[in-house]
Amino acid sequence: MNESRLQRLMRLRGAAASLPLDAAEARDAAAAVQRCVQCPNQRLCDEALAAGDAKTLSLFCPNTHYIQQVRNGSLSFR
């Protein structure tokens, strides 16, 4: 199974959600996936991911805040 853009970006940023997710975390993760799927910058994202360029990704990614919160262990979208 191929990794999604969101999974690759989270790995690049050193963010990993602890499993299992509670209901609120699962809703936040599903919303992040939806934002990624609907993002108009997928081609640019693929290029930045291929280059390992997390800094450029953070300039346009609609999940930048989500990923940072996961990375910090302090999701707060509730």
N, C-alpha and C. Protein backbone atom coordinates (compact mmCIF):
# COMPACT_ATOMS: atom_id res chain seq x y z
N MET A 1 0.84 -1.19 0.00
CA MET A 1 0.00 0.00 0.00
C MET A 1 0.88 1.24 0.00
N ASN A 2 0.56 2.18 -0.85
CA ASN A 2 1.34 3.41 -0.94
C ASN A 2 0.98 4.36 0.19
N GLU A 3 1.98 5.08 0.65
CA GLU A 3 1.76 6.10 1.66
C GLU A 3 1.05 7.29 1.04
N SER A 4 0.13 7.89 1.77
CA SER A 4 -0.55 9.08 1.27
C SER A 4 0.38 10.29 1.39
N ARG A 5 0.01 11.35 0.71
CA ARG A 5 0.79 12.60 0.83
C ARG A 5 0.86 13.02 2.29
N LEU A 6 -0.28 12.96 2.98
CA LEU A 6 -0.32 13.37 4.37
C LEU A 6 0.60 12.52 5.23
N GLN A 7 0.61 11.22 5.02
CA GLN A 7 1.51 10.34 5.78
C GLN A 7 2.96 10.67 5.49
N ARG A 8 3.29 10.90 4.23
CA ARG A 8 4.67 11.24 3.87
C ARG A 8 5.09 12.56 4.51
N LEU A 9 4.17 13.54 4.47
CA LEU A 9 4.48 14.85 5.06
C LEU A 9 4.66 14.73 6.57
N MET A 10 3.80 13.96 7.21
CA MET A 10 3.92 13.79 8.66
C MET A 10 5.25 13.12 9.01
N ARG A 11 5.62 12.11 8.23
CA ARG A 11 6.91 11.45 8.47
C ARG A 11 8.06 12.43 8.27
N LEU A 12 7.99 13.24 7.20
CA LEU A 12 9.02 14.23 6.92
C LEU A 12 9.14 15.23 8.06
N ARG A 13 8.01 15.61 8.64
CA ARG A 13 7.99 16.59 9.73
C ARG A 13 8.22 15.96 11.11
N GLY A 14 8.37 14.65 11.16
CA GLY A 14 8.61 13.99 12.45
C GLY A 14 7.38 13.96 13.33
N ALA A 15 6.21 13.90 12.71
CA ALA A 15 4.96 13.88 13.46
C ALA A 15 4.34 12.49 13.33
N ALA A 16 3.98 11.92 14.45
CA ALA A 16 3.30 10.62 14.44
C ALA A 16 2.24 10.63 15.53
N ALA A 17 1.03 10.33 15.14
CA ALA A 17 -0.05 10.25 16.12
C ALA A 17 0.11 8.95 16.89
N SER A 18 -0.15 9.01 18.20
CA SER A 18 -0.11 7.79 18.98
C SER A 18 -1.42 7.03 18.76
N LEU A 19 -1.28 5.76 18.59
CA LEU A 19 -2.44 4.91 18.33
C LEU A 19 -2.77 4.11 19.58
N PRO A 20 -4.00 3.78 19.82
CA PRO A 20 -5.17 4.09 19.01
C PRO A 20 -5.62 5.53 19.23
N LEU A 21 -6.31 6.06 18.25
CA LEU A 21 -6.85 7.41 18.34
C LEU A 21 -8.19 7.38 19.07
N ASP A 22 -8.42 8.40 19.91
CA ASP A 22 -9.75 8.49 20.49
C ASP A 22 -10.69 9.09 19.44
N ALA A 23 -11.95 9.20 19.75
CA ALA A 23 -12.94 9.64 18.76
C ALA A 23 -12.63 11.03 18.22
N ALA A 24 -12.26 11.96 19.08
CA ALA A 24 -11.96 13.33 18.63
C ALA A 24 -10.71 13.36 17.76
N GLU A 25 -9.69 12.60 18.13
CA GLU A 25 -8.47 12.53 17.32
C GLU A 25 -8.76 11.91 15.96
N ALA A 26 -9.62 10.90 15.95
CA ALA A 26 -9.99 10.26 14.68
C ALA A 26 -10.72 11.24 13.78
N ARG A 27 -11.60 12.07 14.35
CA ARG A 27 -12.29 13.10 13.55
C ARG A 27 -11.30 14.11 13.00
N ASP A 28 -10.35 14.53 13.82
CA ASP A 28 -9.33 15.48 13.37
C ASP A 28 -8.48 14.88 12.25
N ALA A 29 -8.11 13.62 12.39
CA ALA A 29 -7.32 12.95 11.37
C ALA A 29 -8.11 12.83 10.07
N ALA A 30 -9.38 12.48 10.17
CA ALA A 30 -10.23 12.37 8.97
C ALA A 30 -10.37 13.71 8.28
N ALA A 31 -10.50 14.79 9.05
CA ALA A 31 -10.59 16.13 8.47
C ALA A 31 -9.28 16.49 7.77
N ALA A 32 -8.15 16.11 8.35
CA ALA A 32 -6.85 16.38 7.73
C ALA A 32 -6.71 15.64 6.41
N VAL A 33 -7.16 14.39 6.38
CA VAL A 33 -7.11 13.61 5.14
C VAL A 33 -7.97 14.29 4.09
N GLN A 34 -9.15 14.74 4.47
CA GLN A 34 -10.06 15.40 3.52
C GLN A 34 -9.43 16.68 2.98
N ARG A 35 -8.80 17.47 3.85
CA ARG A 35 -8.12 18.70 3.38
C ARG A 35 -7.03 18.36 2.38
N CYS A 36 -6.30 17.29 2.65
CA CYS A 36 -5.22 16.87 1.76
C CYS A 36 -5.77 16.44 0.40
N VAL A 37 -6.81 15.64 0.42
CA VAL A 37 -7.40 15.13 -0.82
C VAL A 37 -7.95 16.27 -1.68
N GLN A 38 -8.49 17.30 -1.04
CA GLN A 38 -9.10 18.41 -1.76
C GLN A 38 -8.12 19.55 -2.07
N CYS A 39 -6.89 19.44 -1.65
CA CYS A 39 -5.91 20.51 -1.82
C CYS A 39 -5.62 20.75 -3.31
N PRO A 40 -5.65 22.03 -3.73
CA PRO A 40 -5.37 22.34 -5.12
C PRO A 40 -3.87 22.33 -5.44
N ASN A 41 -3.03 22.12 -4.43
CA ASN A 41 -1.58 22.19 -4.62
C ASN A 41 -0.91 20.82 -4.60
N GLN A 42 -1.61 19.78 -5.02
CA GLN A 42 -1.07 18.43 -4.93
C GLN A 42 0.20 18.24 -5.76
N ARG A 43 0.25 18.84 -6.93
CA ARG A 43 1.45 18.69 -7.77
C ARG A 43 2.67 19.36 -7.11
N LEU A 44 2.46 20.55 -6.58
CA LEU A 44 3.53 21.24 -5.87
C LEU A 44 3.93 20.46 -4.63
N CYS A 45 2.95 19.88 -3.96
CA CYS A 45 3.21 19.06 -2.78
C CYS A 45 4.09 17.87 -3.15
N ASP A 46 3.75 17.18 -4.23
CA ASP A 46 4.54 16.03 -4.67
C ASP A 46 5.99 16.43 -4.94
N GLU A 47 6.19 17.58 -5.57
CA GLU A 47 7.54 18.05 -5.86
C GLU A 47 8.30 18.35 -4.57
N ALA A 48 7.65 19.04 -3.63
CA ALA A 48 8.30 19.38 -2.37
C ALA A 48 8.59 18.12 -1.55
N LEU A 49 7.66 17.17 -1.55
CA LEU A 49 7.90 15.91 -0.83
C LEU A 49 9.07 15.16 -1.44
N ALA A 50 9.13 15.11 -2.76
CA ALA A 50 10.24 14.42 -3.44
C ALA A 50 11.57 15.05 -3.09
N ALA A 51 11.57 16.37 -2.90
CA ALA A 51 12.80 17.09 -2.55
C ALA A 51 13.08 17.07 -1.04
N GLY A 52 12.11 16.57 -0.25
CA GLY A 52 12.27 16.58 1.20
C GLY A 52 12.23 17.97 1.77
N ASP A 53 11.48 18.86 1.13
CA ASP A 53 11.45 20.27 1.47
C ASP A 53 10.25 20.62 2.36
N ALA A 54 10.36 20.33 3.64
CA ALA A 54 9.27 20.58 4.59
C ALA A 54 9.00 22.07 4.74
N LYS A 55 10.02 22.90 4.61
CA LYS A 55 9.84 24.34 4.78
C LYS A 55 8.90 24.90 3.70
N THR A 56 9.11 24.51 2.45
CA THR A 56 8.24 24.97 1.38
C THR A 56 6.82 24.43 1.58
N LEU A 57 6.70 23.18 1.97
CA LEU A 57 5.39 22.59 2.21
C LEU A 57 4.60 23.38 3.25
N SER A 58 5.28 23.84 4.28
CA SER A 58 4.59 24.57 5.34
C SER A 58 4.03 25.90 4.87
N LEU A 59 4.49 26.38 3.72
CA LEU A 59 4.00 27.66 3.20
C LEU A 59 2.62 27.56 2.57
N PHE A 60 2.24 26.38 2.10
CA PHE A 60 0.96 26.26 1.40
C PHE A 60 0.08 25.11 1.88
N CYS A 61 0.58 24.21 2.67
CA CYS A 61 -0.18 23.03 3.06
C CYS A 61 -1.32 23.40 4.02
N PRO A 62 -2.54 22.96 3.70
CA PRO A 62 -3.66 23.26 4.58
C PRO A 62 -3.62 22.47 5.88
N ASN A 63 -2.68 21.55 6.01
CA ASN A 63 -2.57 20.75 7.24
C ASN A 63 -1.36 21.12 8.09
N THR A 64 -0.73 22.24 7.79
CA THR A 64 0.45 22.64 8.54
C THR A 64 0.17 22.71 10.04
N HIS A 65 -0.92 23.35 10.41
CA HIS A 65 -1.27 23.48 11.84
C HIS A 65 -1.55 22.11 12.45
N TYR A 66 -2.31 21.30 11.75
CA TYR A 66 -2.63 19.96 12.25
C TYR A 66 -1.34 19.16 12.51
N ILE A 67 -0.45 19.16 11.54
CA ILE A 67 0.80 18.40 11.67
C ILE A 67 1.63 18.91 12.84
N GLN A 68 1.70 20.22 12.99
CA GLN A 68 2.46 20.79 14.11
C GLN A 68 1.86 20.39 15.45
N GLN A 69 0.54 20.38 15.52
CA GLN A 69 -0.12 19.99 16.77
C GLN A 69 0.13 18.51 17.08
N VAL A 70 0.07 17.66 16.07
CA VAL A 70 0.37 16.24 16.27
C VAL A 70 1.82 16.09 16.72
N ARG A 71 2.69 16.82 16.07
CA ARG A 71 4.12 16.77 16.41
C ARG A 71 4.38 17.20 17.85
N ASN A 72 3.64 18.22 18.28
CA ASN A 72 3.80 18.71 19.65
C ASN A 72 3.04 17.88 20.67
N GLY A 73 2.19 16.97 20.17
CA GLY A 73 1.40 16.16 21.08
C GLY A 73 0.28 16.93 21.75
N SER A 74 -0.16 18.01 21.07
CA SER A 74 -1.16 18.87 21.70
C SER A 74 -2.26 19.25 20.72
N LEU A 75 -2.90 18.26 20.15
CA LEU A 75 -4.01 18.56 19.24
C LEU A 75 -5.08 19.33 19.99
N SER A 76 -5.58 20.38 19.37
CA SER A 76 -6.57 21.21 20.05
C SER A 76 -7.65 21.73 19.11
N PHE A 77 -8.15 20.89 18.24
CA PHE A 77 -9.19 21.31 17.31
C PHE A 77 -10.58 21.07 17.89
N ARG A 78 -10.70 20.68 19.09
CA ARG A 78 -12.00 20.34 19.69
C ARG A 78 -12.69 21.57 20.19
